[in-house]
Protein backbone atom coordinates (compact mmCIF):
# COMPACT_ATOMS: atom_id res chain seq x y z
CA MET A 1 3.47 -24.06 11.05
CA PRO A 2 2.82 -21.83 14.11
CA LEU A 3 4.70 -18.53 14.14
CA ILE A 4 4.90 -15.97 16.93
CA LEU A 5 6.22 -12.50 16.08
CA ILE A 6 7.45 -10.63 19.14
CA SER A 7 7.19 -6.86 18.72
CA GLY A 8 8.01 -3.97 21.02
CA TYR A 9 10.32 -1.10 21.85
CA PRO A 10 14.04 -1.87 22.11
CA SER A 11 15.14 -3.15 25.53
CA SER A 12 11.51 -3.53 26.63
CA GLY A 13 11.73 -7.20 27.64
CA LYS A 14 11.00 -9.02 24.39
CA THR A 15 13.73 -11.63 24.84
CA TYR A 16 12.68 -12.20 28.44
CA ARG A 17 9.09 -12.85 27.33
CA SER A 18 10.31 -15.05 24.47
CA ASN A 19 12.30 -17.23 26.87
CA GLN A 20 9.22 -17.49 29.10
CA LEU A 21 7.21 -18.73 26.12
CA VAL A 22 9.90 -21.23 25.13
CA GLU A 23 10.00 -22.66 28.65
CA TYR A 24 6.20 -22.89 28.87
CA PHE A 25 5.76 -24.46 25.42
CA GLN A 26 8.50 -27.02 26.02
CA GLY A 27 6.82 -27.99 29.30
CA LYS A 28 3.44 -28.39 27.60
CA ILE A 29 4.94 -30.49 24.81
CA LYS A 30 6.84 -32.73 27.21
CA ALA A 31 3.77 -33.33 29.41
CA SER A 32 1.26 -33.93 26.60
CA PRO A 33 0.13 -37.48 25.76
CA GLU A 34 -1.27 -36.29 22.42
CA PRO A 35 0.93 -37.45 19.49
CA HIS A 36 0.34 -34.26 17.50
CA ILE A 37 1.57 -32.24 20.49
CA SER A 38 4.46 -34.40 21.68
CA ARG A 39 6.16 -34.25 18.27
CA LEU A 40 6.29 -30.44 18.31
CA ASN A 41 9.52 -28.54 18.85
CA VAL A 42 10.20 -24.88 19.62
CA VAL A 43 12.70 -22.68 17.79
CA LEU A 44 13.70 -19.22 19.04
CA ILE A 45 15.19 -16.79 16.50
CA ASN A 46 16.65 -13.45 17.55
CA ASP A 47 19.67 -11.21 17.07
CA GLN A 48 21.74 -13.36 19.43
CA SER A 49 20.97 -16.62 17.61
CA LEU A 50 21.86 -14.92 14.31
CA SER A 51 25.01 -13.29 15.77
CA LEU A 52 23.78 -9.81 14.82
CA ASN A 53 25.38 -6.80 16.46
CA ARG A 54 22.91 -4.13 17.46
CA ASP A 55 24.95 -1.51 15.64
CA VAL A 56 23.35 -2.82 12.42
CA TYR A 57 20.32 -0.66 13.28
CA ARG A 58 22.36 2.51 12.89
CA GLU A 59 22.21 2.58 9.07
CA ALA A 60 19.60 1.47 6.53
CA ARG A 61 21.68 -1.01 4.51
CA PRO A 62 22.99 -3.23 7.34
CA GLU A 63 19.57 -3.07 9.00
CA LYS A 64 17.95 -4.28 5.78
CA ASP A 65 20.45 -7.15 5.64
CA ALA A 66 19.64 -8.00 9.27
CA ARG A 67 15.91 -8.15 8.52
CA ALA A 68 16.63 -10.37 5.53
CA ALA A 69 18.70 -12.69 7.74
CA GLU A 70 15.84 -12.93 10.25
CA TYR A 71 13.29 -13.57 7.52
CA SER A 72 15.45 -16.30 5.97
CA ALA A 73 15.98 -17.97 9.35
CA VAL A 74 12.25 -17.92 10.09
CA LYS A 75 11.45 -19.31 6.66
CA ARG A 76 13.94 -22.15 7.11
CA ALA A 77 12.62 -23.02 10.57
CA LEU A 78 8.92 -23.03 9.73
CA GLY A 79 7.44 -26.47 9.53
CA ARG A 80 4.33 -28.43 10.34
CA ASP A 81 5.66 -29.56 13.71
CA THR A 82 7.68 -26.48 14.66
CA ILE A 83 6.64 -23.49 16.76
CA VAL A 84 8.83 -20.58 15.67
CA ILE A 85 9.27 -17.54 17.93
CA ALA A 86 10.73 -14.57 16.05
CA ASP A 87 12.11 -12.42 18.86
CA GLY A 88 13.10 -9.15 17.25
CA LEU A 89 12.08 -5.54 17.02
CA ASN A 90 9.59 -6.31 14.23
CA TYR A 91 8.72 -2.63 14.44
CA ILE A 92 7.81 -2.20 10.75
CA LYS A 93 4.29 -3.35 10.01
CA GLY A 94 5.29 -4.22 6.44
CA PHE A 95 7.98 -6.57 7.78
CA ARG A 96 5.50 -8.17 10.18
CA ARG A 97 3.16 -8.64 7.25
CA PHE A 98 6.03 -10.05 5.18
CA ASN A 99 6.71 -12.68 7.84
CA ALA A 100 3.07 -13.61 7.95
CA GLU A 101 1.84 -13.52 1.68
CA LEU A 102 5.63 -14.52 8.84
CA LEU A 103 13.69 -7.71 29.38
CA SER A 104 17.00 -7.46 27.79
CA ASP A 105 19.65 -6.05 30.13
CA PRO A 106 21.95 -3.65 28.22
CA LYS A 107 24.80 -4.56 30.56
CA GLN A 108 24.49 -8.21 29.63
CA ASP A 109 24.07 -8.23 25.86
CA GLY A 110 25.52 -4.93 24.72
CA GLY A 111 22.26 -2.96 24.56
CA TYR A 112 21.71 -0.14 22.09
CA GLN A 113 23.60 3.07 21.63
CA ASP A 114 21.51 6.07 22.71
CA ASP A 115 21.02 7.41 19.18
CA ILE A 116 20.02 3.97 17.83
CA PHE A 117 17.61 3.44 20.73
CA GLU A 118 15.87 6.80 20.19
CA ASN A 119 15.68 6.28 16.44
CA LEU A 120 14.12 2.82 16.78
CA VAL A 121 11.54 4.07 19.28
CA TYR A 122 10.66 6.93 16.93
CA ARG A 123 10.19 4.55 13.98
CA TYR A 124 8.19 1.91 15.87
CA GLU A 125 4.85 1.08 14.24
CA GLU A 126 2.50 -0.35 16.86
CA PRO A 127 0.77 -3.62 15.92
CA ASN A 128 -2.94 -3.47 15.17
CA GLY A 129 -5.01 -6.53 16.06
CA MET A 130 -7.57 -5.55 13.40
CA THR A 131 -5.14 -6.42 10.60
CA ARG A 132 -4.73 -10.00 9.44
CA TRP A 133 -0.93 -10.08 9.78
CA ASP A 134 -1.03 -8.70 13.37
CA SER A 135 -3.76 -11.00 14.68
CA PRO A 136 -4.32 -12.64 17.01
CA LEU A 137 -2.54 -9.93 19.02
CA PHE A 138 -1.53 -10.50 22.65
CA THR A 139 -0.33 -7.42 24.53
CA VAL A 140 1.89 -8.13 27.55
CA PRO A 141 2.31 -5.12 29.88
CA TYR A 142 5.65 -4.74 31.62
CA GLU A 143 4.00 -5.27 35.03
CA ASP A 144 2.59 -8.71 34.12
CA ALA A 145 4.61 -11.56 35.57
CA THR A 146 3.96 -13.81 32.56
CA PRO A 147 2.33 -13.63 29.14
CA PRO A 148 -1.14 -15.21 28.69
CA PHE A 149 0.42 -18.62 28.10
CA GLU A 150 -2.72 -20.69 27.70
CA ASP A 151 -4.43 -18.23 25.31
CA ILE A 152 -1.33 -18.15 23.11
CA TRP A 153 -1.05 -21.94 23.20
CA VAL A 154 -4.68 -22.40 22.13
CA ALA A 155 -4.21 -19.84 19.32
CA LEU A 156 -1.21 -21.84 18.08
CA VAL A 157 -2.22 -25.49 18.41
CA GLY A 158 -5.90 -25.47 19.37
CA THR A 159 -7.66 -27.00 22.36
CA ALA A 160 -6.97 -30.44 23.81
CA GLY A 161 -7.66 -33.16 21.28
CA ALA A 162 -8.48 -30.71 18.49
CA LEU A 163 -5.56 -29.75 16.31
CA LYS A 164 -5.80 -26.19 15.01
CA LYS A 165 -6.08 -26.04 11.23
CA VAL A 166 -4.69 -23.05 9.36
CA GLN A 167 -6.34 -22.22 6.06
CA PRO A 168 -3.75 -21.32 3.40
CA ASN A 169 -4.09 -18.15 1.34
CA LEU A 170 -2.49 -16.87 -1.84
CA ALA A 171 0.49 -15.51 0.09
CA THR A 172 1.38 -18.89 1.59
CA VAL A 173 0.28 -21.49 -0.95
CA MET A 174 3.27 -23.06 -2.64
CA LYS A 175 3.29 -22.41 -6.36
CA PRO A 176 3.65 -25.51 -8.56
CA ALA A 177 7.16 -26.15 -9.76
CA SER A 178 7.80 -24.55 -13.13
CA GLU A 179 9.00 -26.50 -16.13
CA SER A 180 12.77 -26.67 -15.94
CA ASP A 181 13.35 -25.07 -19.33
CA TYR A 182 10.61 -22.43 -19.10
CA LEU A 183 12.96 -19.43 -19.08
CA TYR A 184 14.92 -20.92 -21.96
CA GLU A 185 11.72 -21.32 -24.00
CA LEU A 186 10.60 -17.81 -23.07
CA ASP A 187 13.88 -16.34 -24.26
CA LYS A 188 14.12 -18.51 -27.38
CA THR A 189 10.53 -18.03 -28.58
CA THR A 190 10.48 -14.26 -28.15
CA GLN A 191 13.82 -13.91 -29.95
CA GLU A 192 12.52 -16.01 -32.86
CA VAL A 193 9.54 -13.65 -33.21
CA LEU A 194 11.86 -10.61 -33.25
CA ASN A 195 14.08 -12.26 -35.87
CA ARG A 196 11.02 -12.82 -38.04
CA ILE A 197 10.06 -9.14 -37.81
CA ILE A 198 13.61 -7.98 -38.63
CA GLU A 199 13.83 -10.29 -41.64
CA TRP A 200 10.45 -9.12 -42.94
CA GLN A 201 11.42 -5.45 -42.65
CA LYS A 202 14.67 -6.09 -44.55
CA ASP A 203 12.71 -7.73 -47.39
CA HIS A 204 10.02 -5.00 -47.48
CA VAL A 205 11.98 -1.77 -47.25
CA GLY A 206 9.82 1.29 -47.88
CA GLU A 207 6.51 -0.45 -47.23
CA ASN A 208 4.18 1.26 -44.79
CA GLY A 209 3.39 -1.39 -42.23
CA GLY A 210 2.14 -4.86 -42.96
CA GLN A 211 1.12 -8.19 -41.49
CA ILE A 212 3.44 -11.00 -40.49
CA SER A 213 2.22 -14.49 -39.74
CA VAL A 214 4.17 -16.21 -36.97
CA GLY A 215 3.02 -19.67 -36.00
CA GLY A 216 -0.58 -18.88 -36.84
CA HIS A 217 -0.51 -15.50 -35.07
CA GLU A 218 -0.68 -12.19 -36.95
CA ILE A 219 1.65 -9.31 -36.11
CA GLU A 220 0.34 -5.90 -37.20
CA LEU A 221 3.38 -3.73 -37.95
CA PRO A 222 3.02 0.06 -37.69
CA ALA A 223 3.44 2.36 -40.70
CA SER A 224 6.95 3.42 -39.69
CA PRO A 225 9.73 0.81 -39.38
CA VAL A 226 10.37 -0.56 -35.89
CA GLY A 227 14.01 -0.40 -34.86
CA LEU A 228 15.87 -3.19 -33.07
CA PRO A 229 16.28 -1.17 -29.81
CA GLN A 230 12.51 -0.70 -29.58
CA LEU A 231 11.88 -4.38 -30.31
CA GLN A 232 14.40 -5.47 -27.68
CA ARG A 233 12.85 -3.10 -25.11
CA ILE A 234 9.39 -4.59 -25.72
CA ARG A 235 10.84 -8.11 -25.50
CA ARG A 236 12.64 -7.40 -22.21
CA GLN A 237 9.43 -5.96 -20.81
CA PHE A 238 7.47 -9.08 -21.78
CA ILE A 239 10.09 -11.42 -20.27
CA SER A 240 10.15 -9.40 -17.07
CA LEU A 241 6.37 -9.57 -16.77
CA ASN A 242 6.24 -13.33 -17.33
CA ARG A 243 9.40 -14.52 -15.58
CA GLN A 244 7.48 -15.30 -12.38
CA HIS A 245 4.11 -16.08 -13.97
CA ASN A 246 4.71 -19.21 -15.97
CA LEU A 247 2.80 -19.39 -19.21
CA PRO A 248 2.19 -22.75 -20.86
CA LYS A 249 4.85 -23.14 -23.55
CA SER A 250 2.18 -23.32 -26.21
CA ARG A 251 0.95 -19.83 -25.26
CA ILE A 252 4.29 -17.99 -25.14
CA ARG A 253 4.33 -17.09 -28.86
CA GLY A 254 0.70 -15.97 -28.98
CA SER A 255 0.99 -13.91 -25.81
CA PHE A 256 4.14 -12.21 -27.06
CA VAL A 257 2.47 -11.38 -30.39
CA GLU A 258 -0.43 -9.81 -28.47
CA HIS A 259 2.07 -7.83 -26.40
CA LEU A 260 3.81 -6.61 -29.54
CA ASN A 261 0.55 -5.57 -31.19
CA SER A 262 -0.54 -3.64 -28.10
CA ASN A 263 2.77 -1.73 -28.11
CA PHE A 264 2.65 -1.13 -31.87
CA GLY A 265 -0.89 0.15 -31.64
């Protein structure tokens, strides 16, 4: 799933360079006899393709929504046989990293208002080829007639007859699908444990602490009674921590008991 992130100052020629790349890649694909090359397609994503007005860069909220729209479009387009060119400002290194865990004429396409242009130039964070999410980095000076087409092509798809293989990392490996009722079990099991604590405290009023056995796990209650608001806070914290990190159903109760004991201690 090759991805090219175009980055540069506003109105510095990014769309012009992107169109050059699209034309070159499409020519290479059309002329190649290699099956793994001929089945490739090229997708260009930019403000124009997303129908984004450049005034969105004036304020933080609409700009954040615009970045989210670009990220979603890139994510949808990425595929084994698709070369995606994300032609945007991509001026925030964190956003470039997020996309990697991914000569416009102002008279033709609206351009930028002066204050937006100056603000974007001021906030621009130059790519660094030493970082994983900015490499390999190809710098194309304004004076160059074309980008280094062949070097970029080899970086994307490899040399003739040798398909480039990308090693996945933790940021890109698809997580296994969770059990469909995991959140239901998480909610149900933790609530059952709280109900057991509440019932025990009602039956042992005045006792200083104690032990409760829940499914073979021991809860060590503190000397002073634990109120329902505190118990619910601890439960919400546990659910929040484990909502995205699926525990085996058999471990939910034991892990929650350990979480309770660590908070009671």
